[in-house]
PDB file of N, CA and C in Angstrom:
ATOM      1  N   MET A   1     187.133  49.264 166.004  1.00  0.00           N
ATOM      2  CA  MET A   1     188.210  48.279 165.990  1.00  0.00           C
ATOM      3  C   MET A   1     187.807  47.105 165.078  1.00  0.00           C
ATOM      4  N   PRO A   2     188.716  46.665 164.197  1.00  0.00           N
ATOM      5  CA  PRO A   2     188.356  45.582 163.267  1.00  0.00           C
ATOM      6  C   PRO A   2     188.202  44.238 163.968  1.00  0.00           C
ATOM      7  N   LYS A   3     187.452  43.364 163.327  1.00  0.00           N
ATOM      8  CA  LYS A   3     187.243  42.028 163.875  1.00  0.00           C
ATOM      9  C   LYS A   3     188.525  41.217 163.822  1.00  0.00           C
ATOM     10  N   LYS A   4     188.671  40.280 164.781  1.00  0.00           N
ATOM     11  CA  LYS A   4     189.789  39.347 164.735  1.00  0.00           C
ATOM     12  C   LYS A   4     189.457  38.262 163.722  1.00  0.00           C
ATOM     13  N   LYS A   5     190.421  37.921 162.905  1.00  0.00           N
ATOM     14  CA  LYS A   5     190.197  36.890 161.898  1.00  0.00           C
ATOM     15  C   LYS A   5     190.930  35.617 162.285  1.00  0.00           C
ATOM     16  N   THR A   6     190.350  34.487 161.915  1.00  0.00           N
ATOM     17  CA  THR A   6     190.968  33.188 162.156  1.00  0.00           C
ATOM     18  C   THR A   6     192.145  33.011 161.210  1.00  0.00           C
ATOM     19  N   HIS A   7     193.258  32.508 161.730  1.00  0.00           N
ATOM     20  CA  HIS A   7     194.414  32.200 160.891  1.00  0.00           C
ATOM     21  C   HIS A   7     194.113  30.904 160.148  1.00  0.00           C
ATOM     22  N   LYS A   8     193.893  30.990 158.850  1.00  0.00           N
ATOM     23  CA  LYS A   8     193.392  29.856 158.074  1.00  0.00           C
ATOM     24  C   LYS A   8     194.394  28.710 157.978  1.00  0.00           C
ATOM     25  N   GLY A   9     195.693  29.009 157.963  1.00  0.00           N
ATOM     26  CA  GLY A   9     196.702  27.956 157.907  1.00  0.00           C
ATOM     27  C   GLY A   9     196.684  27.103 159.161  1.00  0.00           C
ATOM     28  N   ILE A  10     196.475  27.735 160.300  1.00  0.00           N
ATOM     29  CA  ILE A  10     196.419  27.007 161.567  1.00  0.00           C
ATOM     30  C   ILE A  10     195.092  26.278 161.693  1.00  0.00           C
ATOM     31  N   ALA A  11     194.020  26.883 161.191  1.00  0.00           N
ATOM     32  CA  ALA A  11     192.705  26.242 161.259  1.00  0.00           C
ATOM     33  C   ALA A  11     192.680  24.935 160.475  1.00  0.00           C
ATOM     34  N   LYS A  12     193.466  24.846 159.409  1.00  0.00           N
ATOM     35  CA  LYS A  12     193.524  23.620 158.613  1.00  0.00           C
ATOM     36  C   LYS A  12     194.335  22.528 159.295  1.00  0.00           C
ATOM     37  N   ARG A  13     195.321  22.905 160.089  1.00  0.00           N
ATOM     38  CA  ARG A  13     196.254  21.935 160.661  1.00  0.00           C
ATOM     39  C   ARG A  13     195.902  21.474 162.076  1.00  0.00           C
ATOM     40  N   PHE A  14     195.169  22.296 162.814  1.00  0.00           N
ATOM     41  CA  PHE A  14     194.861  21.988 164.198  1.00  0.00           C
ATOM     42  C   PHE A  14     193.358  21.874 164.381  1.00  0.00           C
ATOM     43  N   LYS A  15     192.948  20.902 165.208  1.00  0.00           N
ATOM     44  CA  LYS A  15     191.528  20.714 165.505  1.00  0.00           C
ATOM     45  C   LYS A  15     191.326  20.830 167.012  1.00  0.00           C
ATOM     46  N   LYS A  16     190.188  21.400 167.396  1.00  0.00           N
ATOM     47  CA  LYS A  16     189.865  21.523 168.810  1.00  0.00           C
ATOM     48  C   LYS A  16     188.830  20.470 169.165  1.00  0.00           C
ATOM     49  N   SER A  17     189.098  19.688 170.209  1.00  0.00           N
ATOM     50  CA  SER A  17     188.183  18.619 170.611  1.00  0.00           C
ATOM     51  C   SER A  17     187.056  19.179 171.477  1.00  0.00           C
ATOM     52  N   LYS A  18     186.113  18.306 171.819  1.00  0.00           N
ATOM     53  CA  LYS A  18     184.995  18.729 172.658  1.00  0.00           C
ATOM     54  C   LYS A  18     185.464  19.150 174.047  1.00  0.00           C
ATOM     55  N   ASN A  19     186.525  18.531 174.525  1.00  0.00           N
ATOM     56  CA  ASN A  19     187.045  18.838 175.861  1.00  0.00           C
ATOM     57  C   ASN A  19     187.978  20.045 175.866  1.00  0.00           C
ATOM     58  N   GLY A  20     188.214  20.651 174.702  1.00  0.00           N
ATOM     59  CA  GLY A  20     189.059  21.839 174.638  1.00  0.00           C
ATOM     60  C   GLY A  20     190.507  21.555 174.320  1.00  0.00           C
ATOM     61  N   LYS A  21     190.845  20.311 173.980  1.00  0.00           N
ATOM     62  CA  LYS A  21     192.229  19.979 173.635  1.00  0.00           C
ATOM     63  C   LYS A  21     192.494  20.352 172.181  1.00  0.00           C
ATOM     64  N   LEU A  22     193.712  20.821 171.926  1.00  0.00           N
ATOM     65  CA  LEU A  22     194.139  21.087 170.554  1.00  0.00           C
ATOM     66  C   LEU A  22     194.989  19.911 170.084  1.00  0.00           C
ATOM     67  N   THR A  23     194.661  19.363 168.919  1.00  0.00           N
ATOM     68  CA  THR A  23     195.413  18.237 168.393  1.00  0.00           C
ATOM     69  C   THR A  23     195.854  18.520 166.969  1.00  0.00           C
ATOM     70  N   HIS A  24     196.918  17.819 166.555  1.00  0.00           N
ATOM     71  CA  HIS A  24     197.389  17.915 165.175  1.00  0.00           C
ATOM     72  C   HIS A  24     198.011  16.581 164.784  1.00  0.00           C
ATOM     73  N   LYS A  25     198.145  16.371 163.489  1.00  0.00           N
ATOM     74  CA  LYS A  25     198.750  15.148 162.979  1.00  0.00           C
ATOM     75  C   LYS A  25     200.258  15.232 163.136  1.00  0.00           C
ATOM     76  N   LYS A  26     200.890  14.092 163.442  1.00  0.00           N
ATOM     77  CA  LYS A  26     202.338  14.048 163.526  1.00  0.00           C
ATOM     78  C   LYS A  26     202.938  14.005 162.131  1.00  0.00           C
ATOM     79  N   SER A  27     204.147  14.489 162.020  1.00  0.00           N
ATOM     80  CA  SER A  27     204.805  14.521 160.711  1.00  0.00           C
ATOM     81  C   SER A  27     205.490  13.191 160.416  1.00  0.00           C
ATOM     82  N   GLY A  28     205.816  12.988 159.153  1.00  0.00           N
ATOM     83  CA  GLY A  28     206.626  11.851 158.758  1.00  0.00           C
ATOM     84  C   GLY A  28     205.877  10.575 158.471  1.00  0.00           C
ATOM     85  N   TYR A  29     204.595  10.639 158.170  1.00  0.00           N
ATOM     86  CA  TYR A  29     203.855   9.418 157.891  1.00  0.00           C
ATOM     87  C   TYR A  29     203.595   9.222 156.398  1.00  0.00           C
ATOM     88  N   VAL A  30     203.571  10.285 155.634  1.00  0.00           N
ATOM     89  CA  VAL A  30     203.131  10.202 154.245  1.00  0.00           C
ATOM     90  C   VAL A  30     204.240   9.724 153.304  1.00  0.00           C
ATOM     91  N   HIS A  31     205.469  10.134 153.549  1.00  0.00           N
ATOM     92  CA  HIS A  31     206.537   9.975 152.563  1.00  0.00           C
ATOM     93  C   HIS A  31     207.614   9.014 153.053  1.00  0.00           C
ATOM     94  N   LYS A  32     208.084   8.139 152.172  1.00  0.00           N
ATOM     95  CA  LYS A  32     209.196   7.202 152.434  1.00  0.00           C
ATOM     96  C   LYS A  32     208.947   6.330 153.664  1.00  0.00           C
ATOM     97  N   ARG A  33     207.834   5.619 153.660  1.00  0.00           N
ATOM     98  CA  ARG A  33     207.477   4.800 154.820  1.00  0.00           C
ATOM     99  C   ARG A  33     208.245   3.491 154.888  1.00  0.00           C
ATOM    100  N   THR A  34     208.853   3.063 153.794  1.00  0.00           N
ATOM    101  CA  THR A  34     209.525   1.763 153.797  1.00  0.00           C
ATOM    102  C   THR A  34     210.756   1.763 154.694  1.00  0.00           C
ATOM    103  N   LYS A  35     211.379   2.931 154.854  1.00  0.00           N
ATOM    104  CA  LYS A  35     212.605   3.011 155.649  1.00  0.00           C
ATOM    105  C   LYS A  35     212.340   3.195 157.138  1.00  0.00           C
ATOM    106  N   LYS A  36     211.098   3.473 157.495  1.00  0.00           N
ATOM    107  CA  LYS A  36     210.808   3.822 158.884  1.00  0.00           C
ATOM    108  C   LYS A  36     210.390   2.599 159.688  1.00  0.00           C
ATOM    109  N   LYS A  37     210.670   2.657 160.974  1.00  0.00           N
ATOM    110  CA  LYS A  37     210.311   1.558 161.871  1.00  0.00           C
ATOM    111  C   LYS A  37     208.799   1.458 162.003  1.00  0.00           C
ATOM    112  N   PRO A  38     208.286   0.249 162.160  1.00  0.00           N
ATOM    113  CA  PRO A  38     206.842   0.100 162.344  1.00  0.00           C
ATOM    114  C   PRO A  38     206.300   0.870 163.549  1.00  0.00           C
ATOM    115  N   SER A  39     207.092   0.940 164.616  1.00  0.00           N
ATOM    116  CA  SER A  39     206.626   1.659 165.807  1.00  0.00           C
ATOM    117  C   SER A  39     206.490   3.151 165.524  1.00  0.00           C
ATOM    118  N   ASN A  40     207.422   3.702 164.725  1.00  0.00           N
ATOM    119  CA  ASN A  40     207.332   5.121 164.382  1.00  0.00           C
ATOM    120  C   ASN A  40     206.127   5.399 163.497  1.00  0.00           C
ATOM    121  N   LYS A  41     205.834   4.472 162.579  1.00  0.00           N
ATOM    122  CA  LYS A  41     204.674   4.648 161.705  1.00  0.00           C
ATOM    123  C   LYS A  41     203.369   4.552 162.499  1.00  0.00           C
ATOM    124  N   ARG A  42     203.338   3.643 163.464  1.00  0.00           N
ATOM    125  CA  ARG A  42     202.146   3.519 164.315  1.00  0.00           C
ATOM    126  C   ARG A  42     201.921   4.794 165.112  1.00  0.00           C
ATOM    127  N   ASP A  43     203.002   5.328 165.671  1.00  0.00           N
ATOM    128  CA  ASP A  43     202.893   6.552 166.471  1.00  0.00           C
ATOM    129  C   ASP A  43     202.480   7.747 165.613  1.00  0.00           C
ATOM    130  N   ALA A  44     202.929   7.778 164.358  1.00  0.00           N
ATOM    131  CA  ALA A  44     202.618   8.912 163.482  1.00  0.00           C
ATOM    132  C   ALA A  44     201.151   8.926 163.079  1.00  0.00           C
ATOM    133  N   ARG A  45     200.472   7.781 163.164  1.00  0.00           N
ATOM    134  CA  ARG A  45     199.050   7.745 162.821  1.00  0.00           C
ATOM    135  C   ARG A  45     198.195   8.417 163.887  1.00  0.00           C
ATOM    136  N   LYS A  46     198.691   8.466 165.104  1.00  0.00           N
ATOM    137  CA  LYS A  46     197.928   9.050 166.206  1.00  0.00           C
ATOM    138  C   LYS A  46     198.067  10.574 166.192  1.00  0.00           C
ATOM    139  N   ASP A  47     197.047  11.244 166.689  1.00  0.00           N
ATOM    140  CA  ASP A  47     197.108  12.699 166.829  1.00  0.00           C
ATOM    141  C   ASP A  47     197.923  13.058 168.057  1.00  0.00           C
ATOM    142  N   LYS A  48     198.574  14.199 167.996  1.00  0.00           N
ATOM    143  CA  LYS A  48     199.369  14.677 169.118  1.00  0.00           C
ATOM    144  C   LYS A  48     198.681  15.893 169.727  1.00  0.00           C
ATOM    145  N   GLU A  49     198.711  15.973 171.051  1.00  0.00           N
ATOM    146  CA  GLU A  49     198.077  17.094 171.749  1.00  0.00           C
ATOM    147  C   GLU A  49     199.075  18.237 171.914  1.00  0.00           C
ATOM    148  N   VAL A  50     198.596  19.456 171.773  1.00  0.00           N
ATOM    149  CA  VAL A  50     199.408  20.656 171.968  1.00  0.00           C
ATOM    150  C   VAL A  50     199.217  21.116 173.400  1.00  0.00           C
ATOM    151  N   LYS A  51     200.312  21.464 174.068  1.00  0.00           N
ATOM    152  CA  LYS A  51     200.241  21.863 175.471  1.00  0.00           C
ATOM    153  C   LYS A  51     201.011  23.161 175.712  1.00  0.00           C
ATOM    154  N   GLY A  52     200.770  23.727 176.870  1.00  0.00           N
ATOM    155  CA  GLY A  52     201.564  24.846 177.360  1.00  0.00           C
ATOM    156  C   GLY A  52     201.320  26.155 176.636  1.00  0.00           C
ATOM    157  N   LYS A  53     202.382  26.928 176.542  1.00  0.00           N
ATOM    158  CA  LYS A  53     202.325  28.263 175.950  1.00  0.00           C
ATOM    159  C   LYS A  53     201.944  28.205 174.474  1.00  0.00           C
ATOM    160  N   THR A  54     202.385  27.157 173.795  1.00  0.00           N
ATOM    161  CA  THR A  54     202.040  26.997 172.386  1.00  0.00           C
ATOM    162  C   THR A  54     200.535  26.902 172.206  1.00  0.00           C
ATOM    163  N   LYS A  55     199.876  26.185 173.112  1.00  0.00           N
ATOM    164  CA  LYS A  55     198.421  26.039 173.035  1.00  0.00           C
ATOM    165  C   LYS A  55     197.736  27.390 173.180  1.00  0.00           C
ATOM    166  N   LYS A  56     198.205  28.203 174.110  1.00  0.00           N
ATOM    167  CA  LYS A  56     197.605  29.522 174.322  1.00  0.00           C
ATOM    168  C   LYS A  56     197.760  30.400 173.083  1.00  0.00           C
ATOM    169  N   ASN A  57     198.958  30.342 172.473  1.00  0.00           N
ATOM    170  CA  ASN A  57     199.202  31.159 171.261  1.00  0.00           C
ATOM    171  C   ASN A  57     198.315  30.701 170.113  1.00  0.00           C
ATOM    172  N   LEU A  58     198.155  29.385 169.958  1.00  0.00           N
ATOM    173  CA  LEU A  58     197.326  28.868 168.878  1.00  0.00           C
ATOM    174  C   LEU A  58     195.852  29.198 169.086  1.00  0.00           C
ATOM    175  N   GLU A  59     195.409  29.170 170.331  1.00  0.00           N
ATOM    176  CA  GLU A  59     194.015  29.508 170.614  1.00  0.00           C
ATOM    177  C   GLU A  59     193.695  30.949 170.243  1.00  0.00           C
ATOM    178  N   LYS A  60     194.668  31.855 170.422  1.00  0.00           N
ATOM    179  CA  LYS A  60     194.478  33.245 170.027  1.00  0.00           C
ATOM    180  C   LYS A  60     194.294  33.353 168.513  1.00  0.00           C
ATOM    181  N   LEU A  61     195.100  32.579 167.774  1.00  0.00           N
ATOM    182  CA  LEU A  61     195.023  32.642 166.316  1.00  0.00           C
ATOM    183  C   LEU A  61     193.777  31.947 165.773  1.00  0.00           C
ATOM    184  N   LEU A  62     193.259  30.964 166.524  1.00  0.00           N
ATOM    185  CA  LEU A  62     192.067  30.238 166.076  1.00  0.00           C
ATOM    186  C   LEU A  62     190.773  30.970 166.424  1.00  0.00           C
ATOM    187  N   SER A  63     190.836  31.829 167.433  1.00  0.00           N
ATOM    188  CA  SER A  63     189.593  32.532 167.815  1.00  0.00           C
ATOM    189  C   SER A  63     189.245  33.561 166.744  1.00  0.00           C
ATOM    190  N   SER A  64     187.989  33.550 166.372  1.00  0.00           N
ATOM    191  CA  SER A  64     187.583  34.452 165.289  1.00  0.00           C
ATOM    192  C   SER A  64     186.829  35.648 165.819  1.00  0.00           C
TER     193      SER A  64
END
């Protein structure tokens, strides 16, 4: 049976913390920031945690 390979696109976008949490950057921070509210820009700088079924699916793709 062949080895499982890591999905490289997901490996670039998601990081696993020491505690096992999956995090990713929020969208909408890089482009056209002048029109956005300061609160939205502040929130976009923070990482967002992945939860639930999505987390389980991503962990399968990240496991090598």
